[in-house]
């Protein structure tokens, strides 16, 4: 059969699940807690990655020529 008949789709059995309001709220609360925990874990991973990336960038930046002289005289210019 290429196309299902309208009759078949109209009388297809439906599934109904009855849940108490308390159980529904508990399930919603559990889902929210799990979402929050997943977000916290992701934030922690991103912070670790940010820290390591920042350290890598600092390693790759060239040292400023004459920085020690600027430190001695309190100068801040690059000249």
N, C-alpha and C. Protein backbone atom coordinates (compact mmCIF):
# COMPACT_ATOMS: atom_id res chain seq x y z
N UNK A 1 0.85 -1.17 0.00
CA UNK A 1 0.00 0.00 0.00
C UNK A 1 0.90 1.24 0.00
N UNK A 2 0.77 2.07 -0.99
CA UNK A 2 1.59 3.26 -1.11
C UNK A 2 1.18 4.33 -0.11
N UNK A 3 -0.09 4.61 -0.07
CA UNK A 3 -0.58 5.66 0.82
C UNK A 3 -1.52 5.06 1.85
N UNK A 4 -1.26 5.32 3.14
CA UNK A 4 -2.19 4.80 4.14
C UNK A 4 -3.54 5.50 4.01
N UNK A 5 -4.56 4.77 4.23
CA UNK A 5 -5.89 5.36 4.07
C UNK A 5 -6.20 6.28 5.25
N UNK A 6 -7.10 7.20 5.00
CA UNK A 6 -7.54 8.12 6.04
C UNK A 6 -8.22 7.35 7.15
N UNK A 7 -8.91 6.31 6.79
CA UNK A 7 -9.61 5.48 7.76
C UNK A 7 -8.63 4.87 8.76
N UNK A 8 -7.49 4.35 8.26
CA UNK A 8 -6.49 3.72 9.12
C UNK A 8 -5.86 4.72 10.09
N UNK A 9 -5.55 5.91 9.60
CA UNK A 9 -4.91 6.88 10.49
C UNK A 9 -5.89 7.46 11.49
N UNK A 10 -7.16 7.54 11.13
CA UNK A 10 -8.17 8.11 12.02
C UNK A 10 -8.46 7.18 13.19
N UNK A 11 -8.46 5.89 12.95
CA UNK A 11 -8.79 4.93 13.99
C UNK A 11 -7.57 4.25 14.61
N UNK A 12 -6.40 4.80 14.39
CA UNK A 12 -5.19 4.25 14.99
C UNK A 12 -5.29 4.40 16.51
N UNK A 13 -4.84 3.40 17.25
CA UNK A 13 -4.93 3.51 18.71
C UNK A 13 -4.02 4.62 19.24
N UNK A 14 -4.53 5.33 20.22
CA UNK A 14 -3.73 6.40 20.84
C UNK A 14 -3.26 5.91 22.19
N UNK A 15 -2.20 6.53 22.67
CA UNK A 15 -1.64 6.14 23.96
C UNK A 15 -1.84 7.29 24.93
N UNK A 16 -2.46 7.01 26.04
CA UNK A 16 -2.71 8.02 27.05
C UNK A 16 -2.04 7.57 28.34
N UNK A 17 -1.25 8.48 28.92
CA UNK A 17 -0.57 8.18 30.18
C UNK A 17 -1.10 9.16 31.22
N UNK A 18 -1.58 8.64 32.31
CA UNK A 18 -2.12 9.48 33.37
C UNK A 18 -1.08 9.56 34.48
N UNK A 19 -0.73 10.80 34.85
CA UNK A 19 0.28 11.02 35.88
C UNK A 19 -0.28 12.04 36.86
N UNK A 20 -0.02 11.81 38.14
CA UNK A 20 -0.49 12.78 39.13
C UNK A 20 0.30 14.07 39.00
N UNK A 21 -0.29 15.15 39.45
CA UNK A 21 0.37 16.45 39.34
C UNK A 21 1.67 16.48 40.15
N UNK A 22 1.67 15.80 41.30
CA UNK A 22 2.88 15.76 42.13
C UNK A 22 4.02 15.06 41.39
N UNK A 23 3.69 13.96 40.74
CA UNK A 23 4.73 13.23 40.00
C UNK A 23 5.23 14.04 38.81
N UNK A 24 4.31 14.77 38.18
CA UNK A 24 4.70 15.61 37.05
C UNK A 24 5.64 16.71 37.52
N UNK A 25 5.30 17.36 38.63
CA UNK A 25 6.17 18.43 39.16
C UNK A 25 7.51 17.87 39.59
N UNK A 26 7.52 16.70 40.20
CA UNK A 26 8.77 16.08 40.62
C UNK A 26 9.65 15.75 39.41
N UNK A 27 9.03 15.26 38.34
CA UNK A 27 9.79 14.95 37.13
C UNK A 27 10.34 16.22 36.50
N UNK A 28 9.54 17.29 36.49
CA UNK A 28 10.01 18.56 35.94
C UNK A 28 11.17 19.11 36.77
N UNK A 29 11.06 19.01 38.10
CA UNK A 29 12.11 19.51 38.98
C UNK A 29 13.40 18.70 38.78
N UNK A 30 13.26 17.39 38.63
CA UNK A 30 14.43 16.55 38.40
C UNK A 30 15.11 16.92 37.08
N UNK A 31 14.30 17.14 36.06
CA UNK A 31 14.85 17.52 34.76
C UNK A 31 15.58 18.86 34.84
N UNK A 32 15.02 19.82 35.58
CA UNK A 32 15.67 21.12 35.74
C UNK A 32 16.99 20.99 36.49
N UNK A 33 17.00 20.15 37.55
CA UNK A 33 18.24 19.94 38.29
C UNK A 33 19.32 19.33 37.40
N UNK A 34 18.92 18.36 36.58
CA UNK A 34 19.87 17.73 35.67
C UNK A 34 20.40 18.73 34.65
N UNK A 35 19.53 19.62 34.15
CA UNK A 35 19.97 20.66 33.22
C UNK A 35 20.97 21.59 33.90
N UNK A 36 20.68 21.98 35.14
CA UNK A 36 21.55 22.87 35.88
C UNK A 36 22.91 22.22 36.13
N UNK A 37 22.89 20.95 36.49
CA UNK A 37 24.13 20.23 36.73
C UNK A 37 24.96 20.14 35.44
N UNK A 38 24.29 19.88 34.32
CA UNK A 38 24.99 19.81 33.03
C UNK A 38 25.60 21.16 32.68
N UNK A 39 24.87 22.24 32.94
CA UNK A 39 25.40 23.58 32.68
C UNK A 39 26.59 23.89 33.57
N UNK A 40 26.50 23.54 34.85
CA UNK A 40 27.62 23.77 35.76
C UNK A 40 28.87 23.01 35.31
N UNK A 41 28.67 21.76 34.87
CA UNK A 41 29.81 20.97 34.38
C UNK A 41 30.40 21.60 33.14
N UNK A 42 29.56 22.07 32.26
CA UNK A 42 30.05 22.71 31.02
C UNK A 42 30.80 24.00 31.34
N UNK A 43 30.27 24.79 32.27
CA UNK A 43 30.92 26.04 32.66
C UNK A 43 32.31 25.73 33.24
N UNK A 44 32.39 24.70 34.07
CA UNK A 44 33.68 24.31 34.66
C UNK A 44 34.67 23.91 33.57
N UNK A 45 34.19 23.12 32.60
CA UNK A 45 35.07 22.72 31.49
C UNK A 45 35.55 23.93 30.70
N UNK A 46 34.64 24.85 30.42
CA UNK A 46 35.00 26.04 29.65
C UNK A 46 35.97 26.93 30.41
N UNK A 47 35.79 27.05 31.73
CA UNK A 47 36.72 27.86 32.53
C UNK A 47 38.12 27.25 32.52
N UNK A 48 38.20 25.93 32.63
CA UNK A 48 39.51 25.26 32.57
C UNK A 48 40.16 25.49 31.21
N UNK A 49 39.37 25.36 30.15
CA UNK A 49 39.89 25.57 28.81
C UNK A 49 40.34 27.01 28.62
N UNK A 50 39.57 27.95 29.15
CA UNK A 50 39.91 29.38 29.04
C UNK A 50 41.24 29.66 29.74
N UNK A 51 41.41 29.08 30.92
CA UNK A 51 42.64 29.28 31.68
C UNK A 51 43.84 28.73 30.92
N UNK A 52 43.70 27.52 30.38
CA UNK A 52 44.82 26.93 29.65
C UNK A 52 45.11 27.69 28.36
N UNK A 53 44.08 28.18 27.70
CA UNK A 53 44.27 28.95 26.48
C UNK A 53 44.94 30.29 26.78
N UNK A 54 44.55 30.91 27.86
CA UNK A 54 45.17 32.16 28.27
C UNK A 54 46.65 31.96 28.58
N UNK A 55 46.98 30.88 29.26
CA UNK A 55 48.38 30.59 29.58
C UNK A 55 49.17 30.33 28.29
N UNK A 56 48.56 29.64 27.34
CA UNK A 56 49.22 29.39 26.07
C UNK A 56 49.50 30.68 25.32
N UNK A 57 48.53 31.58 25.33
CA UNK A 57 48.69 32.87 24.65
C UNK A 57 49.83 33.65 25.28
N UNK A 58 49.89 33.66 26.61
CA UNK A 58 50.95 34.39 27.30
C UNK A 58 52.32 33.80 26.97
N UNK A 59 52.40 32.50 26.80
CA UNK A 59 53.67 31.87 26.44
C UNK A 59 54.10 32.27 25.04
N UNK A 60 53.14 32.43 24.14
CA UNK A 60 53.44 32.73 22.75
C UNK A 60 53.72 34.21 22.49
N UNK A 61 53.30 35.09 23.40
CA UNK A 61 53.54 36.51 23.20
C UNK A 61 55.03 36.81 23.37
N UNK A 62 55.57 37.61 22.46
CA UNK A 62 57.00 37.93 22.60
C UNK A 62 57.24 38.82 23.81
N UNK A 63 58.37 38.61 24.43
CA UNK A 63 58.73 39.43 25.59
C UNK A 63 59.01 40.86 25.11
N UNK A 64 58.59 41.83 25.87
CA UNK A 64 58.78 43.23 25.50
C UNK A 64 60.25 43.61 25.72
N UNK A 65 60.85 44.13 24.68
CA UNK A 65 62.24 44.57 24.77
C UNK A 65 62.30 45.81 25.64
N UNK A 66 63.18 45.82 26.61
CA UNK A 66 63.33 46.97 27.49
C UNK A 66 62.32 47.00 28.61
N UNK A 67 61.60 45.93 28.84
CA UNK A 67 60.60 45.90 29.90
C UNK A 67 61.25 46.09 31.26
N UNK A 68 62.43 45.53 31.43
CA UNK A 68 63.11 45.66 32.71
C UNK A 68 63.52 47.12 32.96
N UNK A 69 63.86 47.84 31.91
CA UNK A 69 64.22 49.27 32.07
C UNK A 69 62.98 50.08 32.43
N UNK A 70 61.85 49.78 31.80
CA UNK A 70 60.62 50.49 32.14
C UNK A 70 60.24 50.25 33.59
N UNK A 71 60.47 49.05 34.06
CA UNK A 71 60.14 48.73 35.44
C UNK A 71 61.00 49.54 36.40
N UNK A 72 62.25 49.76 36.01
CA UNK A 72 63.17 50.49 36.90
C UNK A 72 62.81 51.98 36.96
N UNK A 73 62.47 52.57 35.82
CA UNK A 73 62.19 54.01 35.85
C UNK A 73 60.69 54.34 35.92
N UNK A 74 59.83 53.31 35.97
CA UNK A 74 58.41 53.55 36.10
C UNK A 74 57.76 54.00 34.79
N UNK A 75 58.48 53.90 33.70
CA UNK A 75 57.95 54.30 32.41
C UNK A 75 56.96 53.26 31.86
N UNK A 76 56.06 53.76 31.02
CA UNK A 76 55.07 52.84 30.43
C UNK A 76 55.05 52.93 28.92
N UNK A 77 55.88 53.76 28.34
CA UNK A 77 55.86 53.88 26.88
C UNK A 77 56.80 52.85 26.24
N UNK A 78 56.58 52.62 24.95
CA UNK A 78 57.35 51.59 24.23
C UNK A 78 58.58 52.18 23.53
N UNK A 79 58.92 53.41 23.77
CA UNK A 79 59.97 54.06 23.02
C UNK A 79 61.33 54.00 23.61
